[in-house]
Protein backbone atom coordinates (compact mmCIF):
# COMPACT_ATOMS: atom_id res chain seq x y z
CA UNK A 1 -136.09 53.75 -28.40
CA UNK A 2 -134.21 50.45 -29.72
CA UNK A 3 -131.13 50.65 -30.56
CA UNK A 4 -130.37 51.01 -34.43
CA UNK A 5 -127.37 48.36 -34.20
CA UNK A 6 -129.69 45.89 -33.29
CA UNK A 7 -132.00 46.29 -36.75
CA UNK A 8 -129.16 44.68 -39.02
CA UNK A 9 -128.53 41.47 -36.50
CA UNK A 10 -132.33 40.97 -36.42
CA UNK A 11 -132.42 41.15 -40.13
CA UNK A 12 -129.51 38.68 -40.44
CA UNK A 13 -131.60 36.14 -38.06
CA UNK A 14 -134.39 36.58 -40.13
CA UNK A 15 -132.61 35.69 -42.87
CA UNK A 16 -130.73 32.80 -41.32
CA UNK A 17 -134.37 31.65 -40.23
CA UNK A 18 -135.57 31.01 -43.78
CA UNK A 19 -132.68 29.83 -45.55
CA UNK A 20 -133.14 25.85 -43.77
CA UNK A 21 -135.85 24.35 -45.98
CA UNK A 22 -139.14 23.70 -44.68
CA UNK A 23 -139.50 20.45 -46.22
CA UNK A 24 -138.19 16.77 -45.01
CA UNK A 25 -137.27 16.30 -48.61
CA UNK A 26 -135.02 19.52 -48.83
CA UNK A 27 -133.44 18.57 -45.13
CA UNK A 28 -132.48 15.73 -46.30
CA UNK A 29 -131.50 16.54 -49.48
CA UNK A 30 -129.10 18.96 -47.66
CA UNK A 31 -128.13 16.34 -45.36
CA UNK A 32 -127.07 14.17 -48.13
CA UNK A 33 -125.05 16.94 -49.94
CA UNK A 34 -123.24 18.16 -46.82
CA UNK A 35 -122.45 14.41 -45.88
CA UNK A 36 -121.29 14.01 -49.92
CA UNK A 37 -119.59 17.55 -49.73
CA UNK A 38 -117.74 16.32 -46.47
CA UNK A 39 -116.72 12.46 -48.01
CA UNK A 40 -115.62 14.49 -51.42
CA UNK A 41 -113.34 16.75 -49.36
CA UNK A 42 -111.48 13.97 -47.53
CA UNK A 43 -111.20 11.57 -50.46
CA UNK A 44 -110.08 14.96 -52.59
CA UNK A 45 -107.41 15.84 -49.97
CA UNK A 46 -106.14 12.20 -49.84
CA UNK A 47 -105.86 11.80 -53.37
CA UNK A 48 -104.00 14.76 -54.17
CA UNK A 49 -101.70 14.19 -51.22
CA UNK A 50 -100.91 10.58 -52.61
CA UNK A 51 -100.50 12.18 -56.42
CA UNK A 52 -98.56 14.68 -55.12
CA UNK A 53 -95.92 12.25 -53.14
CA UNK A 54 -95.72 10.01 -56.53
CA UNK A 55 -94.76 13.03 -58.21
CA UNK A 56 -92.24 14.04 -55.89
CA UNK A 57 -91.14 10.46 -56.10
CA UNK A 58 -90.94 10.28 -59.81
CA UNK A 59 -88.94 13.89 -59.77
CA UNK A 60 -86.16 12.24 -56.76
CA UNK A 61 -86.12 8.90 -59.09
CA UNK A 62 -85.37 11.01 -62.43
CA UNK A 63 -82.67 13.01 -60.09
CA UNK A 64 -80.61 10.06 -58.93
CA UNK A 65 -80.76 8.42 -62.28
CA UNK A 66 -79.07 11.39 -63.73
CA UNK A 67 -76.82 11.69 -60.64
CA UNK A 68 -75.86 7.98 -61.41
CA UNK A 69 -74.84 8.63 -64.72
CA UNK A 70 -72.97 11.63 -63.79
CA UNK A 71 -71.31 9.67 -61.34
CA UNK A 72 -69.54 7.25 -63.97
CA UNK A 73 -67.53 10.71 -65.25
CA UNK A 74 -65.92 11.04 -62.00
CA UNK A 75 -62.61 9.16 -61.74
CA UNK A 76 -61.78 8.81 -58.07
CA UNK A 77 -58.94 6.38 -58.71
CA UNK A 78 -56.38 8.43 -57.96
CA UNK A 79 -55.39 10.77 -54.94
CA UNK A 80 -57.33 13.33 -56.04
CA UNK A 81 -60.90 13.27 -57.58
CA UNK A 82 -61.28 14.29 -61.68
CA UNK A 83 -63.79 14.68 -63.86
CA UNK A 84 -63.46 12.74 -67.13
CA UNK A 85 -64.58 14.71 -70.49
CA UNK A 86 -67.23 12.67 -72.42
CA UNK A 87 -69.68 13.38 -75.08
CA UNK A 88 -72.59 15.13 -74.58
CA UNK A 89 -71.15 16.84 -71.59
CA UNK A 90 -73.60 19.57 -72.06
CA UNK A 91 -76.64 17.20 -71.26
CA UNK A 92 -74.58 15.62 -68.38
CA UNK A 93 -73.76 19.04 -66.94
CA UNK A 94 -77.11 20.81 -66.97
CA UNK A 95 -78.09 21.93 -63.42
CA UNK A 96 -75.28 19.47 -61.84
CA UNK A 97 -72.74 20.28 -59.23
CA UNK A 98 -69.50 17.98 -58.39
CA UNK A 99 -67.60 17.95 -55.33
CA UNK A 100 -64.67 16.61 -53.99
CA UNK A 101 -65.48 16.72 -50.63
CA UNK A 102 -66.56 19.89 -50.05
CA UNK A 103 -64.38 21.53 -53.25
CA UNK A 104 -66.69 22.30 -55.61
CA UNK A 105 -65.31 21.04 -59.07
CA UNK A 106 -67.71 21.75 -61.79
CA UNK A 107 -71.19 23.68 -61.33
CA UNK A 108 -73.71 24.92 -64.21
CA UNK A 109 -73.73 28.16 -66.17
CA UNK A 110 -75.76 30.82 -64.04
CA UNK A 111 -76.12 28.90 -60.94
CA UNK A 112 -76.52 31.79 -59.07
CA UNK A 113 -78.09 31.11 -55.92
CA UNK A 114 -78.71 27.63 -56.24
CA UNK A 115 -74.74 26.74 -55.82
CA UNK A 116 -75.55 27.64 -51.89
CA UNK A 117 -78.13 25.00 -51.51
CA UNK A 118 -76.10 22.43 -53.61
CA UNK A 119 -73.03 23.63 -50.94
CA UNK A 120 -75.47 22.65 -47.79
CA UNK A 121 -76.27 19.42 -49.53
CA UNK A 122 -72.97 18.07 -50.36
CA UNK A 123 -71.69 19.63 -47.10
CA UNK A 124 -73.78 16.93 -45.29
CA UNK A 125 -73.02 13.97 -47.14
CA UNK A 126 -75.18 10.83 -47.98
CA UNK A 127 -78.14 10.84 -50.31
CA UNK A 128 -80.62 13.53 -49.38
CA UNK A 129 -83.04 15.67 -50.92
CA UNK A 130 -84.67 19.16 -50.64
CA UNK A 131 -87.16 21.56 -52.20
CA UNK A 132 -86.35 25.12 -52.75
CA UNK A 133 -88.14 28.23 -54.70
CA UNK A 134 -85.21 30.25 -55.74
CA UNK A 135 -86.61 31.87 -59.02
CA UNK A 136 -88.83 28.57 -59.41
CA UNK A 137 -89.51 25.64 -57.87
CA UNK A 138 -86.80 23.24 -57.63
CA UNK A 139 -85.83 19.72 -56.57
CA UNK A 140 -82.22 19.43 -55.47
CA UNK A 141 -80.62 15.72 -54.57
CA UNK A 142 -77.26 14.93 -53.42
CA UNK A 143 -75.75 11.32 -54.60
CA UNK A 144 -72.18 10.37 -53.38
CA UNK A 145 -69.78 8.76 -55.94
CA UNK A 146 -69.80 4.84 -55.62
CA UNK A 147 -66.23 3.71 -54.45
CA UNK A 148 -64.64 6.99 -53.77
CA UNK A 149 -64.82 6.43 -49.94
CA UNK A 150 -67.15 9.82 -49.84
CA UNK A 151 -64.72 11.83 -50.98
CA UNK A 152 -67.19 12.85 -54.15
CA UNK A 153 -70.38 14.03 -54.12
CA UNK A 154 -73.01 14.66 -57.12
CA UNK A 155 -75.71 17.23 -56.90
CA UNK A 156 -78.29 17.39 -59.35
CA UNK A 157 -81.36 19.83 -59.72
CA UNK A 158 -84.51 19.12 -61.46
CA UNK A 159 -87.25 21.93 -62.41
CA UNK A 160 -90.85 20.98 -60.87
CA UNK A 161 -92.76 23.36 -62.71
CA UNK A 162 -94.23 20.30 -65.30
CA UNK A 163 -94.94 18.16 -61.74
CA UNK A 164 -96.57 20.81 -60.00
CA UNK A 165 -98.80 21.87 -63.18
CA UNK A 166 -99.80 18.03 -63.42
CA UNK A 167 -100.55 18.25 -59.62
CA UNK A 168 -102.49 21.30 -60.46
CA UNK A 169 -104.46 19.75 -63.30
CA UNK A 170 -105.20 16.77 -61.14
CA UNK A 171 -106.47 19.25 -58.25
CA UNK A 172 -108.72 21.40 -60.74
CA UNK A 173 -109.82 17.80 -62.04
CA UNK A 174 -110.94 16.49 -58.78
CA UNK A 175 -112.26 19.31 -57.62
CA UNK A 176 -114.58 19.76 -61.18
CA UNK A 177 -115.14 16.03 -60.72
CA UNK A 178 -116.41 16.94 -56.91
CA UNK A 179 -118.77 19.90 -58.21
CA UNK A 180 -120.60 17.22 -60.89
CA UNK A 181 -120.63 14.62 -58.37
CA UNK A 182 -122.44 16.98 -55.50
CA UNK A 183 -125.23 17.98 -58.34
CA UNK A 184 -125.44 14.59 -58.92
CA UNK A 185 -125.91 13.29 -55.55
CA UNK A 186 -128.52 16.43 -54.81
CA UNK A 187 -130.73 15.86 -57.73
CA UNK A 188 -130.69 11.98 -56.74
CA UNK A 189 -131.49 12.91 -53.13
CA UNK A 190 -134.38 14.93 -53.91
CA UNK A 191 -135.72 12.32 -56.75
CA UNK A 192 -135.66 9.21 -54.28
CA UNK A 193 -136.57 11.18 -51.29
CA UNK A 194 -139.52 12.74 -53.09
CA UNK A 195 -140.92 9.28 -54.32
CA UNK A 196 -140.20 7.62 -51.17
CA UNK A 197 -142.59 10.59 -49.49
CA UNK A 198 -144.95 10.42 -52.44
CA UNK A 199 -147.00 7.47 -50.42
CA UNK A 200 -147.00 9.63 -47.53
CA UNK A 201 -148.64 12.47 -48.95
CA UNK A 202 -151.32 9.83 -50.60
CA UNK A 203 -151.78 8.44 -47.10
CA UNK A 204 -152.27 11.97 -45.83
CA UNK A 205 -154.50 13.17 -48.59
CA UNK A 206 -156.69 9.94 -47.77
CA UNK A 207 -156.76 10.26 -44.01
CA UNK A 208 -157.89 13.98 -44.45
CA UNK A 209 -160.78 12.54 -46.94
CA UNK A 210 -161.86 9.76 -44.82
CA UNK A 211 -162.06 11.79 -41.55
CA UNK A 212 -164.02 14.42 -43.04
CA UNK A 213 -166.69 11.59 -44.28
CA UNK A 214 -166.11 9.25 -41.35
CA UNK A 215 -165.53 6.63 -43.92
CA UNK A 216 -164.77 3.03 -42.95
CA UNK A 217 -162.12 2.36 -45.10
CA UNK A 218 -158.30 2.33 -43.33
CA UNK A 219 -154.81 1.91 -44.43
CA UNK A 220 -154.28 -1.48 -42.68
CA UNK A 221 -155.87 -3.25 -45.63
CA UNK A 222 -152.96 -1.91 -47.82
CA UNK A 223 -149.90 -3.30 -48.47
CA UNK A 224 -146.74 -1.05 -47.46
CA UNK A 225 -143.23 -1.16 -46.52
CA UNK A 226 -142.73 -1.79 -42.62
CA UNK A 227 -142.43 2.29 -41.81
CA UNK A 228 -145.61 3.16 -43.85
CA UNK A 229 -147.40 0.28 -41.95
CA UNK A 230 -146.35 1.51 -38.63
CA UNK A 231 -147.72 4.93 -40.21
CA UNK A 232 -151.08 3.56 -41.78
CA UNK A 233 -151.41 1.91 -38.50
CA UNK A 234 -151.49 5.45 -36.37
CA UNK A 235 -153.68 6.66 -39.02
CA UNK A 236 -155.93 3.94 -38.55
CA UNK A 237 -156.13 4.38 -35.10
CA UNK A 238 -156.72 8.20 -35.58
CA UNK A 239 -159.73 7.83 -38.07
CA UNK A 240 -161.46 5.19 -35.56
CA UNK A 241 -161.16 7.66 -32.87
CA UNK A 242 -162.45 10.64 -35.29
CA UNK A 243 -164.68 8.36 -36.70
CA UNK A 244 -166.21 7.59 -32.89
CA UNK A 245 -166.08 11.08 -32.01
CA UNK A 246 -168.47 11.58 -35.13
CA UNK A 247 -170.64 9.42 -34.61
CA UNK A 248 -170.92 10.28 -30.73
CA UNK A 249 -171.62 13.88 -32.05
CA UNK A 250 -174.34 12.75 -34.43
CA UNK A 251 -176.12 10.54 -31.03
CA UNK A 252 -175.97 13.34 -28.97
CA UNK A 253 -177.35 16.06 -31.60
CA UNK A 254 -180.04 13.36 -32.55
CA UNK A 255 -180.72 12.32 -29.03
CA UNK A 256 -180.97 16.67 -28.20
CA UNK A 257 -183.43 16.87 -31.00
CA UNK A 258 -185.25 13.59 -29.89
CA UNK A 259 -185.98 14.75 -26.44
CA UNK A 260 -186.62 18.32 -27.42
CA UNK A 261 -189.31 17.92 -29.85
CA UNK A 262 -192.29 16.93 -26.82
CA UNK A 263 -191.80 20.19 -24.83
CA UNK A 264 -190.89 22.26 -28.03
CA UNK A 265 -194.26 20.86 -29.54
CA UNK A 266 -196.09 21.99 -26.26
CA UNK A 267 -194.64 25.51 -26.43
CA UNK A 268 -195.87 25.68 -29.97
CA UNK A 269 -199.32 24.15 -29.33
CA UNK A 270 -199.59 26.96 -26.61
CA UNK A 271 -198.34 29.51 -28.36
CA UNK A 272 -201.01 28.49 -31.41
CA UNK A 273 -203.64 28.14 -28.91
CA UNK A 274 -203.08 31.20 -27.17
CA UNK A 275 -203.17 33.31 -30.27
CA UNK A 276 -205.95 31.56 -31.61
CA UNK A 277 -208.77 33.45 -30.17
CA UNK A 278 -208.66 36.04 -27.13
CA UNK A 279 -207.96 34.99 -23.33
CA UNK A 280 -208.76 35.91 -20.23
CA UNK A 281 -205.64 36.83 -18.19
CA UNK A 282 -205.95 33.31 -16.05
CA UNK A 283 -206.19 31.61 -19.30
CA UNK A 284 -202.97 33.88 -20.66
CA UNK A 285 -201.28 32.92 -17.03
CA UNK A 286 -201.95 29.29 -17.63
CA UNK A 287 -200.50 29.67 -21.29
CA UNK A 288 -197.07 31.42 -19.43
CA UNK A 289 -197.21 28.57 -16.86
CA UNK A 290 -197.03 25.78 -19.49
CA UNK A 291 -194.37 27.32 -21.86
CA UNK A 292 -192.38 27.89 -18.72
CA UNK A 293 -192.81 24.50 -17.53
CA UNK A 294 -191.63 23.21 -21.16
CA UNK A 295 -188.91 25.80 -21.26
CA UNK A 296 -187.70 24.26 -18.05
CA UNK A 297 -188.18 20.60 -19.05
CA UNK A 298 -185.72 21.36 -22.11
CA UNK A 299 -183.09 23.16 -19.94
CA UNK A 300 -183.24 19.69 -17.65
CA UNK A 301 -183.29 17.72 -20.88
CA UNK A 302 -180.16 19.39 -22.48
CA UNK A 303 -178.26 19.50 -18.91
CA UNK A 304 -178.49 15.73 -18.31
CA UNK A 305 -177.84 14.94 -21.92
CA UNK A 306 -174.74 17.17 -22.10
CA UNK A 307 -173.49 15.94 -18.36
CA UNK A 308 -173.77 12.15 -19.94
CA UNK A 309 -171.65 13.03 -22.86
CA UNK A 310 -168.96 14.15 -21.22
CA UNK A 311 -167.49 11.12 -20.25
CA UNK A 312 -170.85 8.50 -20.43
CA UNK A 313 -170.83 8.51 -16.26
CA UNK A 314 -173.65 10.11 -14.29
CA UNK A 315 -171.69 11.76 -11.74
CA UNK A 316 -174.31 14.22 -10.58
CA UNK A 317 -175.83 13.13 -7.06
CA UNK A 318 -179.41 12.37 -5.93
CA UNK A 319 -182.45 10.54 -5.35
CA UNK A 320 -185.75 10.71 -6.79
CA UNK A 321 -189.02 9.36 -5.50
CA UNK A 322 -190.17 7.05 -8.08
CA UNK A 323 -194.05 7.33 -8.05
CA UNK A 324 -194.61 10.98 -8.02
CA UNK A 325 -192.18 11.57 -10.74
CA UNK A 326 -193.83 8.63 -13.10
CA UNK A 327 -197.05 10.25 -12.20
CA UNK A 328 -195.96 13.80 -13.78
CA UNK A 329 -195.11 11.48 -16.81
CA UNK A 330 -198.10 10.26 -17.32
CA UNK A 331 -200.17 13.66 -17.31
CA UNK A 332 -197.81 14.69 -20.74
CA UNK A 333 -200.02 14.26 -23.63
CA UNK A 334 -197.97 11.67 -25.46
CA UNK A 335 -201.34 10.46 -27.32
CA UNK A 336 -205.12 10.87 -27.63
CA UNK A 337 -207.43 11.03 -25.17
CA UNK A 338 -208.72 7.36 -25.69
CA UNK A 339 -205.83 6.07 -23.48
CA UNK A 340 -205.52 5.02 -20.05
CA UNK A 341 -202.18 5.65 -18.71
CA UNK A 342 -202.33 3.82 -15.19
CA UNK A 343 -199.30 4.64 -12.89
CA UNK A 344 -199.18 1.82 -9.54
CA UNK A 345 -196.59 0.97 -6.88
CA UNK A 346 -195.41 1.16 -2.90
CA UNK A 347 -193.22 4.49 -2.36
CA UNK A 348 -189.81 3.52 -3.39
CA UNK A 349 -186.73 5.99 -3.63
CA UNK A 350 -184.42 5.63 -6.84
CA UNK A 351 -180.61 6.31 -6.76
CA UNK A 352 -180.55 8.66 -9.54
CA UNK A 353 -181.54 12.29 -9.71
CA UNK A 354 -185.28 13.01 -10.78
CA UNK A 355 -184.49 14.53 -14.10
CA UNK A 356 -182.39 11.14 -15.33
CA UNK A 357 -185.18 8.90 -14.35
CA UNK A 358 -187.58 11.29 -16.38
CA UNK A 359 -184.99 10.79 -19.40
CA UNK A 360 -184.74 7.13 -18.78
CA UNK A 361 -188.75 6.34 -18.78
CA UNK A 362 -190.31 9.07 -20.77
CA UNK A 363 -189.03 6.93 -24.16
CA UNK A 364 -190.05 3.84 -23.40
CA UNK A 365 -193.82 5.69 -21.88
CA UNK A 366 -193.89 7.54 -25.40
CA UNK A 367 -193.30 4.57 -27.08
CA UNK A 368 -196.12 2.80 -24.90
CA UNK A 369 -198.49 5.28 -26.09
CA UNK A 370 -197.74 5.49 -29.77
CA UNK A 371 -198.75 1.80 -30.19
CA UNK A 372 -201.07 1.35 -27.42
CA UNK A 373 -204.58 0.34 -28.11
CA UNK A 374 -206.26 1.52 -25.03
CA UNK A 375 -204.33 1.19 -21.89
CA UNK A 376 -200.78 1.84 -20.86
CA UNK A 377 -199.34 0.77 -17.21
CA UNK A 378 -196.42 1.79 -15.35
CA UNK A 379 -195.83 -0.25 -12.45
CA UNK A 380 -192.95 0.21 -9.92
CA UNK A 381 -192.10 -2.39 -7.95
CA UNK A 382 -188.38 -3.70 -5.49
CA UNK A 383 -186.45 -5.88 -7.24
CA UNK A 384 -183.58 -7.96 -5.53
CA UNK A 385 -180.71 -5.85 -6.76
CA UNK A 386 -182.53 -2.48 -6.54
CA UNK A 387 -185.84 -1.33 -7.92
CA UNK A 388 -187.88 -1.58 -11.58
CA UNK A 389 -190.19 0.02 -13.41
CA UNK A 390 -192.18 -1.80 -16.11
CA UNK A 391 -194.13 -0.13 -19.22
CA UNK A 392 -196.84 -2.27 -20.52
CA UNK A 393 -199.04 -1.40 -23.30
CA UNK A 394 -201.94 -3.36 -25.22
CA UNK A 395 -200.73 -2.72 -28.79
CA UNK A 396 -199.39 -4.92 -31.68
CA UNK A 397 -196.18 -5.52 -29.87
CA UNK A 398 -192.83 -5.38 -31.32
CA UNK A 399 -192.15 -8.24 -34.48
CA UNK A 400 -190.40 -10.47 -33.59
CA UNK A 401 -187.59 -10.42 -36.26
CA UNK A 402 -187.00 -6.92 -35.07
CA UNK A 403 -186.18 -7.15 -31.42
CA UNK A 404 -182.60 -8.05 -31.90
CA UNK A 405 -182.31 -4.39 -33.41
CA UNK A 406 -184.69 -2.80 -31.00
CA UNK A 407 -181.63 -0.79 -28.92
CA UNK A 408 -179.70 0.22 -32.20
CA UNK A 409 -180.06 4.17 -32.86
CA UNK A 410 -181.82 4.71 -36.15
CA UNK A 411 -183.73 1.39 -36.15
CA UNK A 412 -187.32 1.50 -36.55
CA UNK A 413 -189.53 -1.92 -36.95
CA UNK A 414 -192.00 -0.10 -39.76
CA UNK A 415 -190.95 3.08 -40.73
CA UNK A 416 -194.08 3.72 -42.95
CA UNK A 417 -196.30 2.92 -39.74
CA UNK A 418 -197.78 6.50 -39.76
CA UNK A 419 -195.91 7.57 -36.37
CA UNK A 420 -193.37 9.57 -36.07
CA UNK A 421 -190.07 8.96 -34.20
CA UNK A 422 -186.28 8.83 -35.43
CA UNK A 423 -185.53 5.42 -33.90
CA UNK A 424 -183.47 7.06 -30.81
CA UNK A 425 -186.12 7.26 -27.78
CA UNK A 426 -185.06 3.59 -26.89
CA UNK A 427 -181.06 3.48 -27.40
CA UNK A 428 -181.20 6.79 -25.59
CA UNK A 429 -183.20 5.27 -22.48
CA UNK A 430 -180.68 2.18 -22.24
CA UNK A 431 -177.67 4.21 -22.79
CA UNK A 432 -178.57 6.93 -19.73
CA UNK A 433 -179.75 3.77 -17.60
CA UNK A 434 -175.96 1.86 -17.91
CA UNK A 435 -174.38 4.96 -17.11
CA UNK A 436 -176.30 5.27 -13.99
CA UNK A 437 -175.90 1.54 -13.15
CA UNK A 438 -179.20 0.44 -14.31
CA UNK A 439 -180.52 -1.39 -17.22
CA UNK A 440 -183.54 -1.52 -19.76
CA UNK A 441 -184.38 -4.32 -21.47
CA UNK A 442 -187.40 -5.88 -23.54
CA UNK A 443 -189.39 -8.64 -22.16
CA UNK A 444 -190.10 -10.67 -25.38
CA UNK A 445 -192.05 -13.19 -23.69
CA UNK A 446 -194.93 -10.97 -23.17
CA UNK A 447 -198.04 -11.03 -24.72
CA UNK A 448 -200.04 -9.26 -26.11
CA UNK A 449 -198.53 -5.58 -26.55
CA UNK A 450 -195.00 -5.12 -25.65
CA UNK A 451 -193.23 -4.67 -22.05
CA UNK A 452 -189.96 -2.65 -21.41
CA UNK A 453 -188.12 -3.11 -17.77
CA UNK A 454 -185.89 -0.58 -16.41
CA UNK A 455 -183.63 -1.71 -13.87
CA UNK A 456 -182.30 0.80 -11.47
CA UNK A 457 -180.39 0.91 -8.13
CA UNK A 458 -182.18 2.08 -4.86
CA UNK A 459 -181.80 5.21 -3.03
């Protein structure tokens, strides 16, 4: 069982974790508030210290002025110190002590304990001041009488209550000003940070929208401050990577659908043929075999394209005897039976797996059968740097203006020519060949018809 004493601690910790603001705007506002509070505290302490020192200095000046006035009534010309009687003695004698040496000559009425403080000041001699809190805050200063040879001393006292009241008023006023300044600092900081971060929020929303639609718009074309320009550059790079990934994803999806269409059509055709009329056991087994071969072909297609999509390089080792693979491809019903597909060449071994060789040549052979008039020729032969496979047909050929766009994904010379296709076969064949260190090219000088050349490494 858990210790019950730990529950309040956990609750306090959870509350403290929720206290700091979760937004950058709130955190920056708190940092500005704490910094301003620290600065205000230092300035308030310094201001009130200076103000207190100034008030005390004013009190001392008043005490010295009063002592100087009282000293004019002290006669030190004779052997003894005498206090002369003058008009307004009641004003001069208020809070005044007159000493001859250490002997008290005069003191204010009802001085009480203050006389001991005055005695101590007179005994020490010279000009000295001290603050005491006997009954109320008082300031006492001693002042030697000029020309008395140190024989006479005047001690004056002043009530500090008005000065303390002024100091307290200054302190309260400065604290009120601090509160107002801190409130204004927090509000203005939040406003300024909010306005400064508004473009960041706008850029974030735009980046989210552009990444979802693979838009070509970028922040580099917009004018921003240096900090936001760097953020825009980073977002542009991220958007470019996202767009590339989306393009690769769409390309892989299109290639898979393009390559899987033929074996899937064979499966559907066999099933339709098998269900149309009662079949013998042998015919059923043949249909099952065709379906199994087509399914295996689909699996190989998926493995080949997915392996290539992982890093763009074919790493699966293997070699393939070229002629058996080409003859197997020639048996696939690409076109009606009036076409003649011829496969020729010596015994050659390609440095690629059989499945990859099929995926490279299959789109070329499919296009040749689609557009050929009567003859399609597949010829394999040796080349100085490996081997080559030519796929030639006697069709209308590729229009000259379209030759430069042959290997661009999704492009067709005539989308309304009545032939099926998504324009992905030739780009796929070239990409797979390049991933294996080979190449697929179009021979623009061949006529009549079209001729595609596959260069592959020898095994």
